[in-house]
Amino acid sequence: MLMNIALKEWASVCDLLAEGRCTLLLRKGGVHETTGPGRFCLEHERFAFFPAWEHEKLDWLKPALRPDGGPIAVEPKEIVFRGWGEVAGIWPVPTRAALDVLDDLHPWLAPQIDMRFDYKPDRPVYALLVRAHRFAVPVARQNDESFAGCRSWVALGQLDTARSVVAMDDVSFEAVRERVVVALERKS
């Protein structure tokens, strides 16, 4: 199967997804979203993980999930794609408490989560449950100015997903999905 779209996320989070070490993404929306500033829209249900460094704050990640190499000061000339995902569900997060019971499924510390809830508080934070896959061989693309900016979606050339492997086995992922559904669909 081929795909030509990527979702921008912190580079370290992209790696965690591809490794099966997290399954939830939180989205509020980028400044340049087509639906309006701060408004996220799930335009694509399948996408490559686009590693971005623009807003990455490693000290806002749980210490055990921080990369060893430290922050990237300058974006590289080549972007390496290690994985891709399929959205298994998307929910507006009803409360901070609902998200807190899913703490082990995402990599962020409280300051990052608070920032997302506090930014444009009239607009929801969305939780995306992502079924991650690793490319059999990482795919490199030249970095391009069209990739720049605070946006969620980036158009790429074709990426072949044919020999990818799931980052988390079916039984484990189904257990995660059930937990997320209970936490985010219950009426508070």
Protein backbone atom coordinates (compact mmCIF):
# COMPACT_ATOMS: atom_id res chain seq x y z
CA MET A 1 0.00 0.00 0.00
CA LEU A 2 1.18 3.51 -0.72
CA MET A 3 0.61 6.69 1.27
CA ASN A 4 1.55 10.28 0.53
CA ILE A 5 0.57 12.21 3.65
CA ALA A 6 2.21 12.67 7.04
CA LEU A 7 1.14 14.01 10.41
CA LYS A 8 3.66 16.29 12.10
CA GLU A 9 4.50 15.37 15.67
CA TRP A 10 7.51 15.81 17.93
CA ALA A 11 10.35 13.66 16.57
CA SER A 12 10.75 11.82 19.87
CA VAL A 13 7.01 11.01 19.94
CA CYS A 14 7.18 9.66 16.37
CA ASP A 15 9.89 7.27 17.51
CA LEU A 16 7.87 6.22 20.57
CA LEU A 17 4.85 5.48 18.37
CA ALA A 18 6.89 3.41 15.92
CA GLU A 19 8.40 1.48 18.85
CA GLY A 20 4.95 0.76 20.34
CA ARG A 21 5.79 2.70 23.52
CA CYS A 22 2.81 5.06 23.19
CA THR A 23 -0.54 4.90 21.43
CA LEU A 24 -2.26 8.23 22.11
CA LEU A 25 -1.66 11.52 20.38
CA LEU A 26 -3.13 14.79 21.62
CA ARG A 27 -4.07 17.41 19.06
CA LYS A 28 -5.38 20.93 19.33
CA GLY A 29 -4.54 22.18 15.86
CA GLY A 30 -1.73 24.15 14.29
CA VAL A 31 -1.61 27.86 13.52
CA HIS A 32 -1.98 27.16 9.79
CA GLU A 33 -4.83 24.62 9.92
CA THR A 34 -7.27 24.90 7.02
CA THR A 35 -10.18 24.72 9.49
CA GLY A 36 -8.83 27.76 11.35
CA PRO A 37 -6.07 28.50 13.84
CA GLY A 38 -6.10 26.06 16.74
CA ARG A 39 -8.72 23.81 15.16
CA PHE A 40 -7.65 20.25 14.44
CA CYS A 41 -9.46 18.23 11.80
CA LEU A 42 -8.75 14.56 11.15
CA GLU A 43 -8.24 14.93 7.41
CA HIS A 44 -6.52 11.54 6.98
CA GLU A 45 -6.96 8.27 8.85
CA ARG A 46 -3.64 6.81 7.61
CA PHE A 47 -0.42 8.81 7.70
CA ALA A 48 3.33 8.63 8.08
CA PHE A 49 4.81 10.01 11.31
CA PHE A 50 6.56 13.25 10.33
CA PRO A 51 9.29 13.95 12.91
CA ALA A 52 9.22 17.65 13.80
CA TRP A 53 11.51 19.61 16.10
CA GLU A 54 9.96 23.08 15.88
CA HIS A 55 8.05 22.97 19.20
CA GLU A 56 9.60 19.88 20.76
CA LYS A 57 10.38 20.30 24.45
CA LEU A 58 12.11 17.20 25.74
CA ASP A 59 11.73 18.31 29.35
CA TRP A 60 7.94 18.03 28.86
CA LEU A 61 8.29 14.31 28.14
CA LYS A 62 8.32 11.68 30.88
CA PRO A 63 12.01 11.13 31.78
CA ALA A 64 11.97 7.42 30.90
CA LEU A 65 10.73 8.28 27.38
CA ARG A 66 13.19 11.04 26.50
CA PRO A 67 15.65 10.30 23.70
CA ASP A 68 19.28 9.81 24.68
CA GLY A 69 20.74 12.27 22.18
CA GLY A 70 19.12 15.44 23.49
CA PRO A 71 17.28 18.07 21.47
CA ILE A 72 17.92 18.80 17.80
CA ALA A 73 19.01 22.44 17.41
CA VAL A 74 18.64 22.66 13.62
CA GLU A 75 16.29 20.66 11.44
CA PRO A 76 18.21 18.13 9.36
CA LYS A 77 18.55 18.32 5.59
CA GLU A 78 16.97 14.89 5.40
CA ILE A 79 13.81 13.72 7.18
CA VAL A 80 13.76 10.05 8.17
CA PHE A 81 10.36 8.40 8.46
CA ARG A 82 10.41 5.36 10.75
CA GLY A 83 6.72 4.56 10.89
CA TRP A 84 3.12 5.28 10.09
CA GLY A 85 -0.23 4.97 11.78
CA GLU A 86 -3.91 4.32 11.35
CA VAL A 87 -6.41 6.13 13.56
CA ALA A 88 -8.39 3.59 15.57
CA GLY A 89 -10.50 6.32 17.19
CA ILE A 90 -10.67 10.04 17.85
CA TRP A 91 -12.38 11.70 20.80
CA PRO A 92 -12.66 15.20 22.21
CA VAL A 93 -11.18 14.79 25.68
CA PRO A 94 -14.09 15.51 28.05
CA THR A 95 -11.97 16.37 31.10
CA ARG A 96 -8.41 16.40 32.29
CA ALA A 97 -9.32 13.61 34.74
CA ALA A 98 -10.44 11.40 31.82
CA LEU A 99 -7.03 11.83 30.22
CA ASP A 100 -5.17 11.28 33.48
CA VAL A 101 -6.42 7.67 33.75
CA LEU A 102 -4.68 7.02 30.41
CA ASP A 103 -1.35 8.50 31.53
CA ASP A 104 0.67 5.41 30.58
CA LEU A 105 -0.50 5.61 26.94
CA HIS A 106 1.11 8.96 26.09
CA PRO A 107 4.57 10.47 26.73
CA TRP A 108 3.74 13.96 28.06
CA LEU A 109 4.20 15.46 31.49
CA ALA A 110 1.61 17.76 33.10
CA PRO A 111 3.02 21.08 31.75
CA GLN A 112 2.56 19.95 28.13
CA ILE A 113 -0.93 18.62 28.77
CA ASP A 114 -1.90 21.78 30.67
CA MET A 115 -0.60 23.93 27.82
CA ARG A 116 -2.80 22.08 25.35
CA PHE A 117 -5.89 22.41 27.52
CA ASP A 118 -5.17 26.09 28.28
CA TYR A 119 -4.47 27.15 24.65
CA LYS A 120 -7.77 28.39 23.24
CA PRO A 121 -9.77 26.69 26.01
CA ASP A 122 -13.01 27.05 24.04
CA ARG A 123 -11.63 24.50 21.55
CA PRO A 124 -11.31 20.82 22.49
CA VAL A 125 -8.19 18.76 22.91
CA TYR A 126 -8.54 15.63 20.80
CA ALA A 127 -7.12 12.23 21.67
CA LEU A 128 -6.21 10.05 18.73
CA LEU A 129 -5.74 6.36 19.32
CA VAL A 130 -3.12 5.33 16.80
CA ARG A 131 -2.31 1.82 15.59
CA ALA A 132 1.36 2.28 14.76
CA HIS A 133 3.48 0.40 12.23
CA ARG A 134 7.24 0.45 11.62
CA PHE A 135 8.60 0.65 8.12
CA ALA A 136 10.71 -2.42 7.34
CA VAL A 137 13.41 0.04 6.29
CA PRO A 138 13.23 3.71 7.37
CA VAL A 139 12.44 6.04 4.49
CA ALA A 140 14.43 9.25 3.95
CA ARG A 141 13.22 12.35 2.10
CA GLN A 142 15.02 15.61 1.48
CA ASN A 143 13.72 18.29 3.84
CA ASP A 144 11.81 20.90 1.89
CA GLU A 145 10.54 24.37 2.73
CA SER A 146 7.01 23.16 1.89
CA PHE A 147 7.24 20.97 5.03
CA ALA A 148 7.86 23.99 7.30
CA GLY A 149 5.38 25.75 9.54
CA CYS A 150 2.96 24.97 12.31
CA ARG A 151 0.56 22.65 10.53
CA SER A 152 -0.60 19.13 11.19
CA TRP A 153 -0.58 17.64 7.69
CA VAL A 154 2.28 17.48 5.18
CA ALA A 155 2.05 16.13 1.62
CA LEU A 156 4.93 13.82 0.66
CA GLY A 157 5.93 11.69 -2.27
CA GLN A 158 4.68 8.12 -2.14
CA LEU A 159 5.79 5.95 0.79
CA ASP A 160 5.41 2.17 0.49
CA THR A 161 3.92 0.54 3.60
CA ALA A 162 3.86 -3.01 2.22
CA ARG A 163 6.48 -4.64 4.46
CA SER A 164 5.67 -2.72 7.64
CA VAL A 165 5.17 -4.46 10.96
CA VAL A 166 2.75 -3.47 13.72
CA ALA A 167 4.36 -1.81 16.72
CA MET A 168 2.03 -3.54 19.21
CA ASP A 169 0.45 -6.99 18.95
CA ASP A 170 -3.31 -7.31 18.36
CA VAL A 171 -4.23 -8.47 21.86
CA SER A 172 -2.32 -5.66 23.58
CA PHE A 173 -3.70 -3.04 21.22
CA GLU A 174 -7.29 -4.22 21.72
CA ALA A 175 -6.84 -3.95 25.50
CA VAL A 176 -5.56 -0.38 25.05
CA ARG A 177 -8.49 0.47 22.77
CA GLU A 178 -10.99 -0.79 25.33
CA ARG A 179 -9.40 1.33 28.08
CA VAL A 180 -9.49 4.45 25.90
CA VAL A 181 -13.12 3.92 24.94
CA VAL A 182 -14.15 3.53 28.60
CA ALA A 183 -12.16 6.60 29.69
CA LEU A 184 -13.16 8.97 26.90
CA GLU A 185 -16.71 7.92 26.13
CA ARG A 186 -18.06 7.77 29.68
CA LYS A 187 -20.33 10.59 30.64
CA SER A 188 -18.85 12.76 33.40
